[in-house]
Amino acid sequence: MILEVAILNVVPGQEADFESAFSCAQKIIAAQRGYVSHEVRRCMENASRYVLLVNWETLEDHTEGFRQSEGYLEWKALLHHFYDPFPTVEHYEPVPSLKTCN
C-alpha cells in the first residue's frame, strides 16, 4: 500500500468553504480504482493548513489512474482554487525492515 501525503495551504478566510467543497470532493476520490482510505486533518498551529492522507493500492492508482481520470477534473474544479501555494504531494511506502524489538 502507498500513502499519499498532501500539505494543503488554504487561502486564509476560505477554510469553511474549503471544508464544504472537500465534503463533496471526497466522494470522487473514494470512487477511484485502487483507493483504500483517506483522512484530512487540520493543523492546530495554523488553521489554514491541512494534511490529506490517502492510502492507495499502488502508486500508479494515484499518479496515472486518478490524475488522468474524469473525476480528477471535477476534483480540481472543486478544490484547486483554495490553495496558495499549490500543495506539495509525496508518496510513502512501508519500510519492511522495521520490526518490533524483542
Protein backbone atom coordinates (compact mmCIF):
# COMPACT_ATOMS: atom_id res chain seq x y z
CA MET A 1 0.00 0.00 0.00
CA ILE A 2 1.15 3.53 -0.82
CA LEU A 3 0.42 6.58 1.33
CA GLU A 4 -0.11 9.88 -0.47
CA VAL A 5 0.64 12.87 1.75
CA ALA A 6 -0.50 16.31 0.59
CA ILE A 7 0.05 19.51 2.56
CA LEU A 8 -2.86 21.80 1.73
CA ASN A 9 -2.39 25.51 2.46
CA VAL A 10 -5.81 27.11 2.09
CA VAL A 11 -6.21 30.83 1.45
CA PRO A 12 -6.91 32.36 4.90
CA GLY A 13 -10.60 33.06 5.41
CA GLN A 14 -11.68 30.31 2.99
CA GLU A 15 -11.36 27.37 5.40
CA ALA A 16 -15.13 26.82 5.82
CA ASP A 17 -15.71 26.93 2.05
CA PHE A 18 -12.79 24.54 1.51
CA GLU A 19 -14.14 22.09 4.07
CA SER A 20 -17.58 22.20 2.45
CA ALA A 21 -16.10 21.63 -1.01
CA PHE A 22 -13.93 18.81 0.29
CA SER A 23 -17.02 17.11 1.72
CA CYS A 24 -18.25 16.77 -1.88
CA ALA A 25 -14.83 16.05 -3.40
CA GLN A 26 -14.05 13.14 -1.08
CA LYS A 27 -16.77 11.10 -2.81
CA ILE A 28 -14.85 11.48 -6.07
CA ILE A 29 -11.58 10.13 -4.74
CA ALA A 30 -13.29 7.33 -2.82
CA ALA A 31 -14.76 6.04 -6.09
CA GLN A 32 -11.37 5.68 -7.82
CA ARG A 33 -9.74 2.37 -8.69
CA GLY A 34 -7.10 1.47 -6.13
CA TYR A 35 -8.43 3.84 -3.46
CA VAL A 36 -8.25 2.32 0.03
CA SER A 37 -8.98 5.13 2.53
CA HIS A 38 -8.32 8.77 3.33
CA GLU A 39 -8.39 11.31 6.12
CA VAL A 40 -7.98 15.05 6.38
CA ARG A 41 -6.53 16.76 9.42
CA ARG A 42 -6.40 20.46 10.23
CA CYS A 43 -3.22 21.94 11.66
CA MET A 44 -3.54 23.12 15.25
CA GLU A 45 -0.85 25.79 14.87
CA ASN A 46 -2.07 27.14 11.52
CA ALA A 47 -5.84 26.93 10.94
CA SER A 48 -5.40 27.43 7.19
CA ARG A 49 -3.19 24.33 6.78
CA TYR A 50 -4.48 20.80 6.32
CA VAL A 51 -2.89 17.45 5.59
CA LEU A 52 -4.58 14.97 3.27
CA LEU A 53 -3.58 11.33 3.73
CA VAL A 54 -4.75 8.87 1.08
CA ASN A 55 -3.98 5.17 1.00
CA TRP A 56 -3.74 3.70 -2.49
CA GLU A 57 -3.13 0.12 -3.53
CA THR A 58 -0.35 1.24 -5.91
CA LEU A 59 1.44 4.46 -6.83
CA GLU A 60 0.00 4.23 -10.34
CA ASP A 61 -3.55 4.15 -8.98
CA HIS A 62 -2.94 7.73 -7.87
CA THR A 63 -0.47 9.14 -10.40
CA GLU A 64 -1.97 7.57 -13.52
CA GLY A 65 -5.43 6.31 -12.61
CA PHE A 66 -6.82 9.19 -10.57
CA ARG A 67 -4.83 12.07 -12.05
CA GLN A 68 -5.83 11.08 -15.58
CA SER A 69 -9.49 10.45 -14.77
CA GLU A 70 -12.66 12.44 -15.38
CA GLY A 71 -13.05 12.54 -11.61
CA TYR A 72 -9.77 14.42 -11.26
CA LEU A 73 -11.11 17.24 -13.43
CA GLU A 74 -14.09 17.59 -11.10
CA TRP A 75 -11.79 17.33 -8.02
CA LYS A 76 -9.58 20.05 -9.48
CA ALA A 77 -12.55 22.36 -10.18
CA LEU A 78 -13.87 21.90 -6.64
CA LEU A 79 -10.61 22.34 -4.73
CA HIS A 80 -7.61 23.78 -6.55
CA HIS A 81 -8.67 27.43 -6.30
CA PHE A 82 -8.44 27.24 -2.48
CA TYR A 83 -4.68 26.55 -2.41
CA ASP A 84 -1.89 29.08 -2.05
CA PRO A 85 0.71 27.84 -2.74
CA PHE A 86 -0.23 24.71 -4.68
CA PRO A 87 0.10 21.58 -2.49
CA THR A 88 3.22 19.55 -2.09
CA VAL A 89 2.32 15.90 -2.72
CA GLU A 90 4.60 12.99 -1.83
CA HIS A 91 4.18 9.23 -1.73
CA TYR A 92 5.40 6.91 1.01
CA GLU A 93 5.86 3.17 1.11
CA PRO A 94 6.15 0.82 4.08
CA VAL A 95 9.60 0.11 5.48
CA PRO A 96 9.63 -3.70 5.71
CA SER A 97 12.90 -3.86 7.65
CA LEU A 98 11.35 -2.11 10.68
CA LYS A 99 10.32 -4.77 13.13
CA THR A 100 9.42 -4.83 16.79
CA CYS A 101 12.39 -5.27 19.13
CA ASN A 102 12.38 -8.34 21.31
